[in-house]
Amino acid sequence: MGKAILLLVDGRAFSLQQKGGVSQIWAKILAAEAFLQAFEVCLFLYPGHLKNIHLKESGLLENDSVIKIISEIPPTDNAHYSNPTSAERRRALVKNRIPGRLPVAVINTYYGENIFLDCARYLVVIHDFAHEDLPRLTQKPSTAGVVQRKIQSIESASDVVYISGFTRARAVALYPQIKGRRDAIIFHGHETFRHRPDRIRGKFIHVGTRSGYKNFDMVAAAFESQLSVHAGISLSVVGGEPADERLTKLIVRFPDRVKFATDVTDEYIFGEIASAEAFISASEYEGFGIPVLNALHLGTHPILSNIRPFQEIASHFASYFATDNQKELEDLIAQFAKAPPETKPNAYRPWDRVAQDYVNFIRGR
């Protein structure tokens, strides 16, 4: 006997990203026990989804209770994806896979129009407005298409979830037509990994992508200065792209005190966070910041740029500096090297609780 509510999940994120924040978020939510117990999930996938690390690790593809539908048209092929013929072909795939049944709602894991118009509800999750807010992205040729798909999502949406108060405020300011939609703010979650190695005195850690608005050049420059002054500090850089010139220079100059690892497991990343005294990010823009939650959960003190999402997540549990003030960052590193503040793990919600929030929202509670 099927569950009361059949959901159609348009899994664009799993094909558009081999790994990344959006695909990680949806793999965690869709695979959560609370979600799979509440709904019968029909997962619509595209070429390339098997390359997605988070989708593979989630177990969704092997879960027989999840109905899988695979389209031959990749979502990156805009010439063939965003047209009435393609939309009708995708509708036919769904109807053939679940004949005589109509999903109650469509959840889109990435921006775009609702092609399954027979469904009563279309849930869109708004992650950020980097393409609208950051000059280096607004000037890219591909940005117009991204923004157009976001507008299509907003205009098609019956239900909207924002991942932070900051995201909701920007949505209303940029796209006032979104007002009046049924909505909620649902924060992301943290991993429940609880490895507690001994903390390494003076160890700082940076996690994830470093290019563009992540502002890692400022972090590297600050540590180049402070590693020369304070012999007791070290920096672990985990994940993200291969080492670039700035990071390589640090590694060569301080080979025993700057550590770099990419293409590593989640367990390795959490172990590195848990053994560090301080987590650091100089990002100029975020919709949220999952690594910050993981640091807070593990009791690793965050040293963060003073952008609103970070302040919303970490509140007074973190230390802050301006994104354009390297001296402020250097001063915090120096202060921490001399006398780190006492930190304790802070209680945030694991992904199962986040999934339950989505369950309640979709059910209308």
Protein backbone atom coordinates (compact mmCIF):
# COMPACT_ATOMS: atom_id res chain seq x y z
CA MET A 1 0.00 0.00 0.00
CA GLY A 2 1.44 3.38 -1.00
CA LYS A 3 1.96 6.24 1.37
CA ALA A 4 -0.65 8.97 1.58
CA ILE A 5 1.33 11.58 -0.33
CA LEU A 6 3.18 10.94 -3.58
CA LEU A 7 5.87 13.54 -4.33
CA LEU A 8 7.65 14.12 -7.61
CA VAL A 9 11.20 15.35 -7.04
CA ASP A 10 12.87 16.94 -10.06
CA GLY A 11 16.51 16.04 -9.38
CA ARG A 12 18.29 18.60 -11.53
CA ALA A 13 20.86 19.35 -8.83
CA PHE A 14 22.19 15.79 -8.96
CA SER A 15 23.07 16.17 -12.64
CA LEU A 16 24.16 19.80 -12.63
CA GLN A 17 26.64 19.22 -9.79
CA GLN A 18 28.99 16.25 -9.36
CA LYS A 19 29.27 17.47 -5.80
CA GLY A 20 28.17 20.71 -4.24
CA GLY A 21 26.09 22.35 -1.57
CA VAL A 22 22.70 22.07 -3.26
CA SER A 23 23.07 18.40 -4.17
CA GLN A 24 24.35 17.63 -0.66
CA ILE A 25 21.34 19.33 0.90
CA TRP A 26 18.83 17.39 -1.18
CA ALA A 27 20.57 14.04 -0.76
CA LYS A 28 20.41 14.50 3.01
CA ILE A 29 16.75 15.55 3.04
CA LEU A 30 15.42 12.98 0.56
CA ALA A 31 17.29 10.07 2.16
CA ALA A 32 16.21 10.95 5.71
CA GLU A 33 14.03 8.36 7.41
CA ALA A 34 11.47 10.99 8.37
CA PHE A 35 11.03 11.99 4.72
CA LEU A 36 10.85 8.48 3.27
CA GLN A 37 8.36 7.40 5.94
CA ALA A 38 6.09 10.34 5.24
CA PHE A 39 6.13 10.31 1.43
CA GLU A 40 6.35 8.06 -1.55
CA VAL A 41 9.14 9.67 -3.56
CA CYS A 42 9.25 9.63 -7.34
CA LEU A 43 12.74 10.85 -8.25
CA PHE A 44 13.16 12.29 -11.75
CA LEU A 45 16.81 12.10 -12.85
CA TYR A 46 18.93 13.02 -15.86
CA PRO A 47 22.12 11.92 -17.62
CA GLY A 48 25.09 12.47 -15.36
CA HIS A 49 23.34 11.75 -12.06
CA LEU A 50 25.51 8.69 -11.43
CA LYS A 51 28.56 10.97 -11.16
CA ASN A 52 27.02 12.80 -8.22
CA ILE A 53 28.88 11.93 -5.04
CA HIS A 54 26.09 12.88 -2.63
CA LEU A 55 23.44 10.97 -4.55
CA LYS A 56 25.60 7.85 -4.62
CA GLU A 57 26.41 8.07 -0.92
CA SER A 58 22.77 8.67 0.06
CA GLY A 59 21.57 5.19 -0.92
CA LEU A 60 18.57 6.65 -2.78
CA LEU A 61 19.44 4.87 -6.03
CA GLU A 62 19.44 1.48 -4.31
CA ASN A 63 16.31 2.15 -2.26
CA ASP A 64 13.47 0.14 -3.81
CA SER A 65 10.84 2.34 -2.18
CA VAL A 66 12.03 5.31 -4.28
CA ILE A 67 10.58 5.35 -7.80
CA LYS A 68 13.29 6.32 -10.29
CA ILE A 69 12.64 7.94 -13.67
CA ILE A 70 15.54 8.85 -15.96
CA SER A 71 15.26 11.39 -18.78
CA GLU A 72 17.62 11.28 -21.74
CA ILE A 73 17.76 15.08 -21.98
CA PRO A 74 20.39 16.62 -19.69
CA PRO A 75 19.24 19.77 -17.85
CA THR A 76 22.36 21.56 -19.12
CA ASP A 77 21.11 21.24 -22.72
CA ASN A 78 18.96 24.37 -22.64
CA ALA A 79 18.23 24.27 -26.37
CA HIS A 80 16.37 20.98 -25.92
CA TYR A 81 15.42 21.14 -22.25
CA SER A 82 13.41 24.35 -22.02
CA ASN A 83 10.83 23.88 -24.76
CA PRO A 84 7.24 22.56 -24.89
CA THR A 85 8.20 19.36 -26.73
CA SER A 86 10.74 18.38 -24.10
CA ALA A 87 8.35 19.23 -21.28
CA GLU A 88 5.68 17.00 -22.80
CA ARG A 89 8.18 14.15 -23.20
CA ARG A 90 9.09 14.41 -19.54
CA ARG A 91 5.44 14.49 -18.50
CA ALA A 92 4.91 11.33 -20.54
CA LEU A 93 7.81 9.60 -18.78
CA VAL A 94 6.21 10.33 -15.41
CA LYS A 95 2.75 9.19 -16.50
CA ASN A 96 4.14 5.96 -17.96
CA ARG A 97 6.10 5.20 -14.80
CA ILE A 98 3.21 5.82 -12.42
CA PRO A 99 0.13 5.23 -14.61
CA GLY A 100 -3.14 6.51 -13.22
CA ARG A 101 -1.47 8.32 -10.33
CA LEU A 102 -0.92 12.02 -9.81
CA PRO A 103 1.79 13.36 -7.49
CA VAL A 104 0.45 15.82 -4.97
CA ALA A 105 3.41 18.16 -5.34
CA VAL A 106 6.57 18.75 -7.35
CA ILE A 107 9.80 19.64 -5.55
CA ASN A 108 12.47 21.18 -7.73
CA THR A 109 16.01 20.73 -6.47
CA TYR A 110 17.22 23.46 -8.79
CA TYR A 111 15.63 26.49 -10.38
CA GLY A 112 13.30 26.22 -13.35
CA GLU A 113 9.67 26.17 -14.40
CA ASN A 114 7.22 23.53 -13.26
CA ILE A 115 6.86 21.22 -16.25
CA PHE A 116 4.41 18.94 -14.44
CA LEU A 117 1.47 21.31 -14.41
CA ASP A 118 -1.08 18.69 -13.37
CA CYS A 119 0.36 18.72 -9.84
CA ALA A 120 -1.48 20.95 -7.43
CA ARG A 121 1.63 22.32 -5.74
CA TYR A 122 5.12 23.34 -6.81
CA LEU A 123 7.69 23.74 -4.04
CA VAL A 124 10.77 25.86 -4.75
CA VAL A 125 13.68 26.23 -2.33
CA ILE A 126 15.54 29.54 -2.60
CA HIS A 127 19.23 29.10 -1.78
CA ASP A 128 20.95 32.41 -2.57
CA PHE A 129 21.13 35.37 -4.93
CA ALA A 130 24.83 35.30 -5.75
CA HIS A 131 24.14 35.76 -9.48
CA GLU A 132 22.11 38.88 -8.76
CA ASP A 133 24.27 40.34 -5.99
CA LEU A 134 27.90 39.68 -6.94
CA PRO A 135 29.40 41.77 -9.77
CA ARG A 136 31.81 39.02 -10.84
CA LEU A 137 28.80 36.76 -11.46
CA THR A 138 26.34 39.30 -12.85
CA GLN A 139 28.79 39.98 -15.69
CA LYS A 140 29.14 36.33 -16.76
CA PRO A 141 27.38 35.39 -20.04
CA SER A 142 25.67 32.41 -18.39
CA THR A 143 24.11 34.50 -15.61
CA ALA A 144 21.14 35.68 -17.69
CA GLY A 145 19.99 32.08 -18.16
CA VAL A 146 20.38 31.28 -14.46
CA VAL A 147 18.36 34.33 -13.45
CA GLN A 148 15.68 33.57 -16.03
CA ARG A 149 15.24 30.05 -14.63
CA LYS A 150 15.01 31.49 -11.13
CA ILE A 151 12.27 33.88 -12.27
CA GLN A 152 10.44 30.95 -13.86
CA SER A 153 10.65 29.08 -10.55
CA ILE A 154 9.33 32.01 -8.57
CA GLU A 155 6.46 32.65 -10.96
CA SER A 156 5.52 28.94 -10.99
CA ALA A 157 5.83 28.40 -7.24
CA SER A 158 2.89 27.78 -4.95
CA ASP A 159 5.16 27.09 -1.97
CA VAL A 160 8.56 28.59 -1.15
CA VAL A 161 11.20 27.57 1.39
CA TYR A 162 14.04 29.95 2.28
CA ILE A 163 17.21 28.63 3.88
CA SER A 164 17.76 31.75 6.01
CA GLY A 165 16.15 35.04 6.96
CA PHE A 166 18.74 36.76 4.78
CA THR A 167 17.62 34.73 1.76
CA ARG A 168 13.98 35.60 2.38
CA ALA A 169 14.73 39.32 2.70
CA ARG A 170 16.72 39.33 -0.55
CA ALA A 171 14.00 37.38 -2.37
CA VAL A 172 11.32 39.88 -1.44
CA ALA A 173 13.57 42.82 -2.34
CA LEU A 174 14.65 41.42 -5.71
CA TYR A 175 11.44 39.65 -6.75
CA PRO A 176 8.42 41.29 -5.07
CA GLN A 177 6.10 38.98 -7.02
CA ILE A 178 7.09 36.24 -4.58
CA LYS A 179 5.07 37.89 -1.82
CA GLY A 180 1.93 36.06 -0.83
CA ARG A 181 3.21 32.56 -1.59
CA ARG A 182 2.96 30.02 1.20
CA ASP A 183 6.44 30.04 2.69
CA ALA A 184 8.75 29.03 5.53
CA ILE A 185 12.35 29.52 6.62
CA ILE A 186 14.03 26.14 7.17
CA PHE A 187 17.68 26.17 8.20
CA HIS A 188 19.99 23.45 6.96
CA GLY A 189 21.36 20.80 9.30
CA HIS A 190 24.67 19.40 10.48
CA GLU A 191 26.16 15.95 10.41
CA THR A 192 25.86 13.79 13.52
CA PHE A 193 29.47 12.71 13.34
CA ARG A 194 30.84 12.77 16.89
CA HIS A 195 34.54 11.97 16.56
CA ARG A 196 36.31 13.82 19.38
CA PRO A 197 40.08 13.63 18.93
CA ASP A 198 42.35 15.73 21.06
CA ARG A 199 42.37 19.28 19.79
CA ILE A 200 45.62 20.43 18.30
CA ARG A 201 46.73 23.65 19.92
CA GLY A 202 46.78 26.53 17.44
CA LYS A 203 45.21 24.56 14.57
CA PHE A 204 42.96 26.49 12.18
CA ILE A 205 40.89 24.86 9.44
CA HIS A 206 39.36 26.06 6.16
CA VAL A 207 36.83 23.78 4.43
CA GLY A 208 35.57 23.63 0.85
CA THR A 209 35.70 25.84 -2.21
CA ARG A 210 38.24 28.69 -2.21
CA SER A 211 37.74 30.51 -5.49
CA GLY A 212 35.76 33.65 -6.30
CA TYR A 213 33.62 35.08 -3.56
CA LYS A 214 34.93 32.54 -1.04
CA ASN A 215 37.78 35.08 -0.63
CA PHE A 216 40.48 32.56 0.24
CA ASP A 217 43.23 34.91 -1.01
CA MET A 218 42.57 37.03 2.07
CA VAL A 219 42.85 33.99 4.34
CA ALA A 220 46.10 32.91 2.67
CA ALA A 221 47.61 36.38 2.93
CA ALA A 222 46.64 36.68 6.60
CA PHE A 223 48.16 33.32 7.44
CA GLU A 224 51.31 34.04 5.46
CA SER A 225 51.78 36.96 7.81
CA GLN A 226 50.77 35.24 11.05
CA LEU A 227 52.56 31.93 10.49
CA SER A 228 55.77 33.96 10.35
CA VAL A 229 55.03 35.60 13.69
CA HIS A 230 53.38 32.83 15.72
CA ALA A 231 55.29 29.56 15.72
CA GLY A 232 52.49 27.66 17.44
CA ILE A 233 49.79 27.96 14.78
CA SER A 234 49.00 25.77 11.78
CA LEU A 235 46.46 25.72 8.95
CA SER A 236 44.57 22.75 7.50
CA VAL A 237 42.88 23.35 4.14
CA VAL A 238 40.39 20.63 3.27
CA GLY A 239 38.33 19.98 0.13
CA GLY A 240 37.61 22.26 -2.78
CA GLU A 241 39.72 22.72 -5.89
CA PRO A 242 43.31 21.55 -6.43
CA ALA A 243 45.92 23.78 -4.81
CA ASP A 244 46.39 27.08 -6.64
CA GLU A 245 49.45 29.33 -6.64
CA ARG A 246 48.59 31.11 -3.39
CA LEU A 247 47.99 27.89 -1.45
CA THR A 248 51.02 26.17 -3.00
CA LYS A 249 53.19 29.09 -1.90
CA LEU A 250 52.02 28.64 1.68
CA ILE A 251 52.65 24.90 1.61
CA VAL A 252 56.18 25.37 0.23
CA ARG A 253 57.04 28.09 2.72
CA PHE A 254 55.54 26.32 5.77
CA PRO A 255 55.63 22.62 4.84
CA ASP A 256 55.13 21.33 8.38
CA ARG A 257 52.41 23.79 9.31
CA VAL A 258 50.16 24.10 6.24
CA LYS A 259 48.31 20.91 5.35
CA PHE A 260 46.14 20.41 2.26
CA ALA A 261 43.86 17.54 1.27
CA THR A 262 41.18 17.32 -1.41
CA ASP A 263 38.88 14.52 -2.62
CA VAL A 264 38.57 13.24 0.95
CA THR A 265 35.76 11.51 2.81
CA ASP A 266 33.26 13.27 5.04
CA GLU A 267 34.71 11.36 7.99
CA TYR A 268 38.13 12.84 7.25
CA ILE A 269 36.70 16.36 7.01
CA PHE A 270 34.81 16.08 10.30
CA GLY A 271 37.88 14.64 12.00
CA GLU A 272 39.90 17.62 10.79
CA ILE A 273 37.26 20.06 12.02
CA ALA A 274 36.97 18.32 15.38
CA SER A 275 40.75 18.39 15.96
CA ALA A 276 41.04 22.10 15.15
CA GLU A 277 40.62 24.90 17.64
CA ALA A 278 39.23 27.33 15.09
CA PHE A 279 37.24 27.15 11.86
CA ILE A 280 37.81 30.02 9.44
CA SER A 281 35.90 31.47 6.48
CA ALA A 282 36.33 34.85 4.80
CA SER A 283 33.47 34.34 2.33
CA GLU A 284 32.00 37.52 0.87
CA TYR A 285 28.63 35.91 0.20
CA GLU A 286 26.60 32.89 1.33
CA GLY A 287 22.98 31.88 1.39
CA PHE A 288 23.74 29.80 4.47
CA GLY A 289 26.96 27.97 5.48
CA ILE A 290 26.74 24.26 6.33
CA PRO A 291 30.45 23.92 7.33
CA VAL A 292 29.84 26.57 9.99
CA LEU A 293 27.09 24.41 11.49
CA ASN A 294 29.39 21.39 11.50
CA ALA A 295 32.08 23.43 13.28
CA LEU A 296 29.60 24.66 15.89
CA HIS A 297 28.30 21.14 16.43
CA LEU A 298 31.83 19.84 16.98
CA GLY A 299 32.80 22.68 19.33
CA THR A 300 35.33 24.27 16.95
CA HIS A 301 35.28 28.05 17.34
CA PRO A 302 34.27 29.86 14.11
CA ILE A 303 36.23 32.91 12.93
CA LEU A 304 34.01 34.32 10.20
CA SER A 305 33.48 37.20 7.83
CA ASN A 306 30.73 39.43 9.15
CA ILE A 307 28.18 38.65 6.45
CA ARG A 308 24.58 38.41 7.62
CA PRO A 309 24.02 34.65 7.04
CA PHE A 310 27.02 33.77 9.20
CA GLN A 311 25.83 36.09 11.94
CA GLU A 312 22.36 34.57 11.67
CA ILE A 313 23.74 31.03 12.04
CA ALA A 314 26.55 31.48 14.57
CA SER A 315 25.34 34.50 16.58
CA HIS A 316 27.65 35.26 19.53
CA PHE A 317 29.33 31.85 19.34
CA ALA A 318 31.73 33.14 16.64
CA SER A 319 34.31 35.90 16.13
CA TYR A 320 33.84 38.20 13.13
CA PHE A 321 35.91 40.37 10.80
CA ALA A 322 35.11 42.54 7.77
CA THR A 323 35.52 40.90 4.36
CA ASP A 324 37.75 43.77 3.18
CA ASN A 325 39.88 44.11 6.32
CA GLN A 326 42.78 41.67 6.40
CA LYS A 327 44.20 43.37 9.50
CA GLU A 328 41.07 42.46 11.50
CA LEU A 329 41.50 38.83 10.46
CA GLU A 330 45.19 38.86 11.36
CA ASP A 331 44.36 40.33 14.77
CA LEU A 332 41.84 37.54 15.44
CA ILE A 333 44.38 34.89 14.43
CA ALA A 334 46.96 36.50 16.74
CA GLN A 335 44.49 36.72 19.63
CA PHE A 336 43.49 33.12 19.15
CA ALA A 337 47.13 32.02 19.02
CA LYS A 338 47.71 33.59 22.45
CA ALA A 339 44.50 32.62 24.25
CA PRO A 340 41.76 30.73 22.41
CA PRO A 341 38.26 31.15 23.87
CA GLU A 342 36.63 28.21 25.57
CA THR A 343 34.23 26.48 23.21
CA LYS A 344 31.55 23.88 23.69
CA PRO A 345 29.52 21.98 21.12
CA ASN A 346 26.38 23.95 20.33
CA ALA A 347 23.04 22.24 19.76
CA TYR A 348 21.78 22.53 16.20
CA ARG A 349 19.47 20.25 14.28
CA PRO A 350 20.71 17.16 12.48
CA TRP A 351 19.47 16.50 8.94
CA ASP A 352 16.63 14.24 10.15
CA ARG A 353 15.14 17.21 11.97
CA VAL A 354 15.49 19.35 8.85
CA ALA A 355 13.72 16.65 6.83
CA GLN A 356 10.92 16.61 9.41
CA ASP A 357 10.50 20.37 8.96
CA TYR A 358 10.03 19.78 5.23
CA VAL A 359 7.53 17.01 5.97
CA ASN A 360 5.52 19.33 8.20
CA PHE A 361 5.62 22.15 5.65
CA ILE A 362 4.54 19.97 2.75
CA ARG A 363 1.75 18.48 4.82
CA GLY A 364 0.61 21.98 5.71
CA ARG A 365 1.35 21.85 9.41
